[in-house]
Structure formats: structure tokens, C-alpha cells
């Protein structure tokens, strides 16, 4: 008997943007999520202009601020798991 549960694929965002000190993610046509920059040390300390240099990476599965050395898994943020993603995970 196979007891392993299937692993769901990571959520991916269609787009991302910053409004004020919040990061917004559009997951699909019916779901958007946001979180405050203060959930991550690097983002909390970033200037507004730095915060706005957000990009989607790896097919929309990660948010990245290359100049801040911060990468966040969209699946984690969408599910309220606020942890820094090591860059080696997504390459």
C-alpha cells in the first residue's frame, strides 16, 4: 500500500506589485493576496524605491528583489508562511 501523499505544485503568481508598504500578488482571476513588507527584515528596512523593484522569478513561483538579496516563495506568502527562501532553492 502506497502511503505517500501526492505533493501539490507550488502556487505561482501571474503578476506582483507594491502599493505603499504592501506587496500584492495576483494568483489567478479570482484570488489575490497581499502582505506587509514588515514580515521580512530586508523588505522592512528597504527604501520605497528598492521595495518597488520586485520581480517574478521561476515561472511566477518566487518573488525576488535581487539588489536586496531577498527571495520569497509565492506559495509561502499566499499561505501566510513568512520565511526567507534561500536562493539555492530556485536557482
N, C-alpha and C. Protein backbone atom coordinates (compact mmCIF):
# COMPACT_ATOMS: atom_id res chain seq x y z
N UNK A 1 0.84 -1.18 0.00
CA UNK A 1 0.00 0.00 0.00
C UNK A 1 0.88 1.24 0.00
N UNK A 2 0.62 2.15 -0.91
CA UNK A 2 1.39 3.39 -1.02
C UNK A 2 0.84 4.41 -0.04
N UNK A 3 1.66 4.81 0.93
CA UNK A 3 1.21 5.76 1.95
C UNK A 3 1.66 7.19 1.67
N UNK A 4 2.39 7.38 0.58
CA UNK A 4 2.85 8.73 0.26
C UNK A 4 1.70 9.55 -0.33
N UNK A 5 1.55 10.76 0.19
CA UNK A 5 0.53 11.66 -0.33
C UNK A 5 1.11 12.42 -1.51
N UNK A 6 0.29 12.68 -2.52
CA UNK A 6 0.80 13.47 -3.64
C UNK A 6 1.13 14.89 -3.18
N UNK A 7 2.18 15.43 -3.72
CA UNK A 7 2.61 16.79 -3.36
C UNK A 7 2.00 17.77 -4.36
N UNK A 8 1.29 18.75 -3.85
CA UNK A 8 0.69 19.76 -4.71
C UNK A 8 1.79 20.66 -5.27
N UNK A 9 1.65 21.09 -6.50
CA UNK A 9 2.65 22.01 -7.05
C UNK A 9 2.59 23.36 -6.34
N UNK A 10 3.71 24.05 -6.32
CA UNK A 10 3.75 25.36 -5.71
C UNK A 10 2.86 26.33 -6.48
N UNK A 11 2.20 27.22 -5.74
CA UNK A 11 1.42 28.26 -6.38
C UNK A 11 2.34 29.19 -7.16
N UNK A 12 1.81 29.75 -8.21
CA UNK A 12 2.56 30.73 -8.99
C UNK A 12 1.70 31.99 -9.12
N UNK A 13 2.35 33.12 -9.17
CA UNK A 13 1.65 34.39 -9.33
C UNK A 13 1.67 34.80 -10.81
N UNK A 14 0.59 35.42 -11.22
CA UNK A 14 0.51 35.96 -12.57
C UNK A 14 1.17 37.33 -12.66
N UNK A 15 1.06 38.08 -11.57
CA UNK A 15 1.71 39.39 -11.50
C UNK A 15 1.89 39.78 -10.05
N UNK A 16 2.74 40.76 -9.84
CA UNK A 16 3.00 41.27 -8.50
C UNK A 16 3.21 42.77 -8.58
N UNK A 17 2.94 43.44 -7.48
CA UNK A 17 3.16 44.88 -7.42
C UNK A 17 3.23 45.33 -5.97
N UNK A 18 3.71 46.53 -5.78
CA UNK A 18 3.84 47.12 -4.45
C UNK A 18 2.96 48.35 -4.41
N UNK A 19 2.20 48.45 -3.34
CA UNK A 19 1.37 49.63 -3.10
C UNK A 19 1.62 50.06 -1.66
N UNK A 20 2.23 51.22 -1.50
CA UNK A 20 2.63 51.63 -0.16
C UNK A 20 3.69 50.67 0.35
N UNK A 21 3.48 50.11 1.50
CA UNK A 21 4.42 49.15 2.09
C UNK A 21 3.85 47.74 2.08
N UNK A 22 2.93 47.47 1.14
CA UNK A 22 2.35 46.13 0.99
C UNK A 22 2.73 45.55 -0.37
N UNK A 23 2.93 44.24 -0.39
CA UNK A 23 3.23 43.51 -1.62
C UNK A 23 1.96 42.75 -2.00
N UNK A 24 1.57 42.89 -3.25
CA UNK A 24 0.35 42.25 -3.76
C UNK A 24 0.71 41.21 -4.80
N UNK A 25 -0.03 40.10 -4.76
CA UNK A 25 0.16 39.01 -5.72
C UNK A 25 -1.19 38.65 -6.33
N UNK A 26 -1.23 38.54 -7.63
CA UNK A 26 -2.41 38.02 -8.32
C UNK A 26 -2.12 36.56 -8.62
N UNK A 27 -2.83 35.68 -7.94
CA UNK A 27 -2.61 34.24 -8.10
C UNK A 27 -3.36 33.71 -9.31
N UNK A 28 -4.62 34.07 -9.41
CA UNK A 28 -5.43 33.74 -10.59
C UNK A 28 -6.56 34.77 -10.69
N UNK A 29 -7.48 34.57 -11.61
CA UNK A 29 -8.52 35.57 -11.84
C UNK A 29 -9.39 35.83 -10.61
N UNK A 30 -9.45 34.89 -9.70
CA UNK A 30 -10.32 35.02 -8.53
C UNK A 30 -9.58 35.15 -7.21
N UNK A 31 -8.28 35.14 -7.25
CA UNK A 31 -7.54 35.17 -5.98
C UNK A 31 -6.34 36.11 -6.04
N UNK A 32 -6.35 37.05 -5.15
CA UNK A 32 -5.21 37.94 -4.94
C UNK A 32 -4.90 37.94 -3.46
N UNK A 33 -3.64 38.08 -3.13
CA UNK A 33 -3.24 38.14 -1.73
C UNK A 33 -2.25 39.30 -1.56
N UNK A 34 -2.11 39.75 -0.33
CA UNK A 34 -1.13 40.77 -0.04
C UNK A 34 -0.55 40.53 1.35
N UNK A 35 0.60 41.12 1.57
CA UNK A 35 1.23 41.04 2.88
C UNK A 35 2.07 42.29 3.09
N UNK A 36 2.28 42.67 4.35
CA UNK A 36 3.10 43.85 4.62
C UNK A 36 4.58 43.54 4.47
N UNK A 37 5.31 44.53 3.98
CA UNK A 37 6.76 44.38 3.83
C UNK A 37 7.42 44.07 5.17
N UNK A 38 6.81 44.48 6.25
CA UNK A 38 7.38 44.28 7.58
C UNK A 38 7.51 42.81 7.98
N UNK A 39 6.92 41.90 7.22
CA UNK A 39 7.05 40.47 7.52
C UNK A 39 8.45 39.93 7.23
N UNK A 40 9.25 40.69 6.48
CA UNK A 40 10.60 40.28 6.12
C UNK A 40 11.57 41.39 6.47
N UNK A 41 12.64 41.08 7.18
CA UNK A 41 13.60 42.09 7.62
C UNK A 41 14.15 42.92 6.47
N UNK A 42 14.58 42.27 5.40
CA UNK A 42 15.19 43.00 4.28
C UNK A 42 14.19 43.96 3.65
N UNK A 43 12.93 43.57 3.59
CA UNK A 43 11.91 44.44 2.99
C UNK A 43 11.50 45.54 3.94
N UNK A 44 11.44 45.23 5.22
CA UNK A 44 11.04 46.23 6.22
C UNK A 44 12.03 47.39 6.25
N UNK A 45 13.30 47.11 6.02
CA UNK A 45 14.34 48.12 6.08
C UNK A 45 14.59 48.80 4.74
N UNK A 46 13.97 48.31 3.68
CA UNK A 46 14.20 48.83 2.33
C UNK A 46 13.51 50.18 2.12
N UNK A 47 14.16 51.01 1.32
CA UNK A 47 13.52 52.25 0.89
C UNK A 47 12.38 51.90 -0.06
N UNK A 48 11.42 52.78 -0.18
CA UNK A 48 10.27 52.52 -1.04
C UNK A 48 10.69 52.20 -2.48
N UNK A 49 11.65 52.95 -3.01
CA UNK A 49 12.12 52.71 -4.37
C UNK A 49 12.73 51.31 -4.51
N UNK A 50 13.43 50.85 -3.48
CA UNK A 50 14.01 49.50 -3.51
C UNK A 50 12.90 48.44 -3.45
N UNK A 51 11.92 48.68 -2.61
CA UNK A 51 10.81 47.75 -2.46
C UNK A 51 10.07 47.55 -3.78
N UNK A 52 9.96 48.61 -4.54
CA UNK A 52 9.22 48.57 -5.80
C UNK A 52 9.98 47.86 -6.92
N UNK A 53 11.21 47.47 -6.70
CA UNK A 53 11.99 46.73 -7.70
C UNK A 53 11.76 45.23 -7.58
N UNK A 54 10.52 44.87 -7.46
CA UNK A 54 10.08 43.47 -7.31
C UNK A 54 9.98 42.82 -8.68
N UNK A 55 10.27 41.52 -8.74
CA UNK A 55 10.09 40.78 -9.99
C UNK A 55 9.65 39.36 -9.69
N UNK A 56 8.90 38.79 -10.62
CA UNK A 56 8.54 37.38 -10.53
C UNK A 56 9.68 36.57 -11.13
N UNK A 57 9.88 35.39 -10.60
CA UNK A 57 11.00 34.56 -11.00
C UNK A 57 10.55 33.10 -11.03
N UNK A 58 11.18 32.31 -11.84
CA UNK A 58 10.93 30.87 -11.93
C UNK A 58 9.46 30.57 -12.22
N UNK A 59 8.96 31.15 -13.30
CA UNK A 59 7.58 30.89 -13.71
C UNK A 59 6.53 31.46 -12.77
N UNK A 60 6.89 32.48 -12.03
CA UNK A 60 5.94 33.10 -11.09
C UNK A 60 5.88 32.43 -9.73
N UNK A 61 6.76 31.46 -9.49
CA UNK A 61 6.73 30.75 -8.21
C UNK A 61 7.48 31.49 -7.10
N UNK A 62 8.30 32.47 -7.47
CA UNK A 62 9.06 33.22 -6.48
C UNK A 62 8.99 34.71 -6.77
N UNK A 63 9.03 35.50 -5.70
CA UNK A 63 9.22 36.94 -5.78
C UNK A 63 10.69 37.19 -5.51
N UNK A 64 11.26 38.17 -6.19
CA UNK A 64 12.68 38.40 -5.98
C UNK A 64 12.99 39.89 -5.98
N UNK A 65 13.84 40.28 -5.06
CA UNK A 65 14.44 41.60 -5.00
C UNK A 65 15.95 41.34 -5.05
N UNK A 66 16.51 41.27 -6.24
CA UNK A 66 17.91 40.89 -6.41
C UNK A 66 18.85 41.81 -5.63
N UNK A 67 18.62 43.09 -5.67
CA UNK A 67 19.51 44.06 -5.01
C UNK A 67 19.40 44.02 -3.49
N UNK A 68 18.30 43.44 -2.97
CA UNK A 68 18.13 43.31 -1.51
C UNK A 68 18.51 41.91 -1.02
N UNK A 69 18.86 41.02 -1.95
CA UNK A 69 19.18 39.63 -1.62
C UNK A 69 18.01 38.97 -0.91
N UNK A 70 16.80 39.21 -1.41
CA UNK A 70 15.59 38.63 -0.82
C UNK A 70 14.82 37.88 -1.90
N UNK A 71 14.40 36.69 -1.56
CA UNK A 71 13.59 35.86 -2.44
C UNK A 71 12.52 35.21 -1.59
N UNK A 72 11.28 35.23 -2.07
CA UNK A 72 10.15 34.71 -1.31
C UNK A 72 9.35 33.76 -2.19
N UNK A 73 9.03 32.61 -1.66
CA UNK A 73 8.20 31.64 -2.37
C UNK A 73 6.74 32.14 -2.34
N UNK A 74 6.13 32.25 -3.52
CA UNK A 74 4.75 32.72 -3.62
C UNK A 74 3.82 31.83 -2.81
N UNK A 75 4.04 30.52 -2.86
CA UNK A 75 3.20 29.58 -2.12
C UNK A 75 3.26 29.87 -0.62
N UNK A 76 4.43 30.18 -0.11
CA UNK A 76 4.56 30.51 1.32
C UNK A 76 3.81 31.79 1.65
N UNK A 77 4.02 32.83 0.87
CA UNK A 77 3.36 34.11 1.14
C UNK A 77 1.84 34.00 1.04
N UNK A 78 1.36 33.25 0.06
CA UNK A 78 -0.08 33.09 -0.14
C UNK A 78 -0.73 32.29 0.98
N UNK A 79 0.08 31.50 1.68
CA UNK A 79 -0.44 30.68 2.78
C UNK A 79 0.06 31.16 4.14
N UNK A 80 0.45 32.43 4.21
CA UNK A 80 0.86 33.07 5.47
C UNK A 80 2.02 32.38 6.17
N UNK A 81 2.96 31.86 5.39
CA UNK A 81 4.20 31.31 5.93
C UNK A 81 5.30 32.30 5.52
N UNK A 82 5.68 33.15 6.43
CA UNK A 82 6.61 34.23 6.10
C UNK A 82 8.03 33.85 6.45
N UNK A 83 8.70 33.20 5.50
CA UNK A 83 10.07 32.76 5.69
C UNK A 83 10.90 33.18 4.47
N UNK A 84 12.15 33.49 4.72
CA UNK A 84 13.08 33.82 3.63
C UNK A 84 13.38 32.53 2.87
N UNK A 85 13.38 32.60 1.55
CA UNK A 85 13.69 31.45 0.72
C UNK A 85 15.14 31.52 0.29
N UNK A 86 15.95 30.53 0.66
CA UNK A 86 17.35 30.54 0.21
C UNK A 86 17.41 30.55 -1.31
N UNK A 87 18.31 31.31 -1.87
CA UNK A 87 18.41 31.44 -3.33
C UNK A 87 18.74 30.12 -4.01
N UNK A 88 19.37 29.19 -3.33
CA UNK A 88 19.72 27.92 -3.93
C UNK A 88 18.49 27.07 -4.25
N UNK A 89 17.35 27.35 -3.63
CA UNK A 89 16.12 26.58 -3.89
C UNK A 89 15.64 26.81 -5.31
N UNK A 90 15.60 28.05 -5.75
CA UNK A 90 15.07 28.36 -7.08
C UNK A 90 16.17 28.61 -8.08
N UNK A 91 17.39 28.55 -7.67
CA UNK A 91 18.50 28.72 -8.60
C UNK A 91 18.89 30.10 -8.74
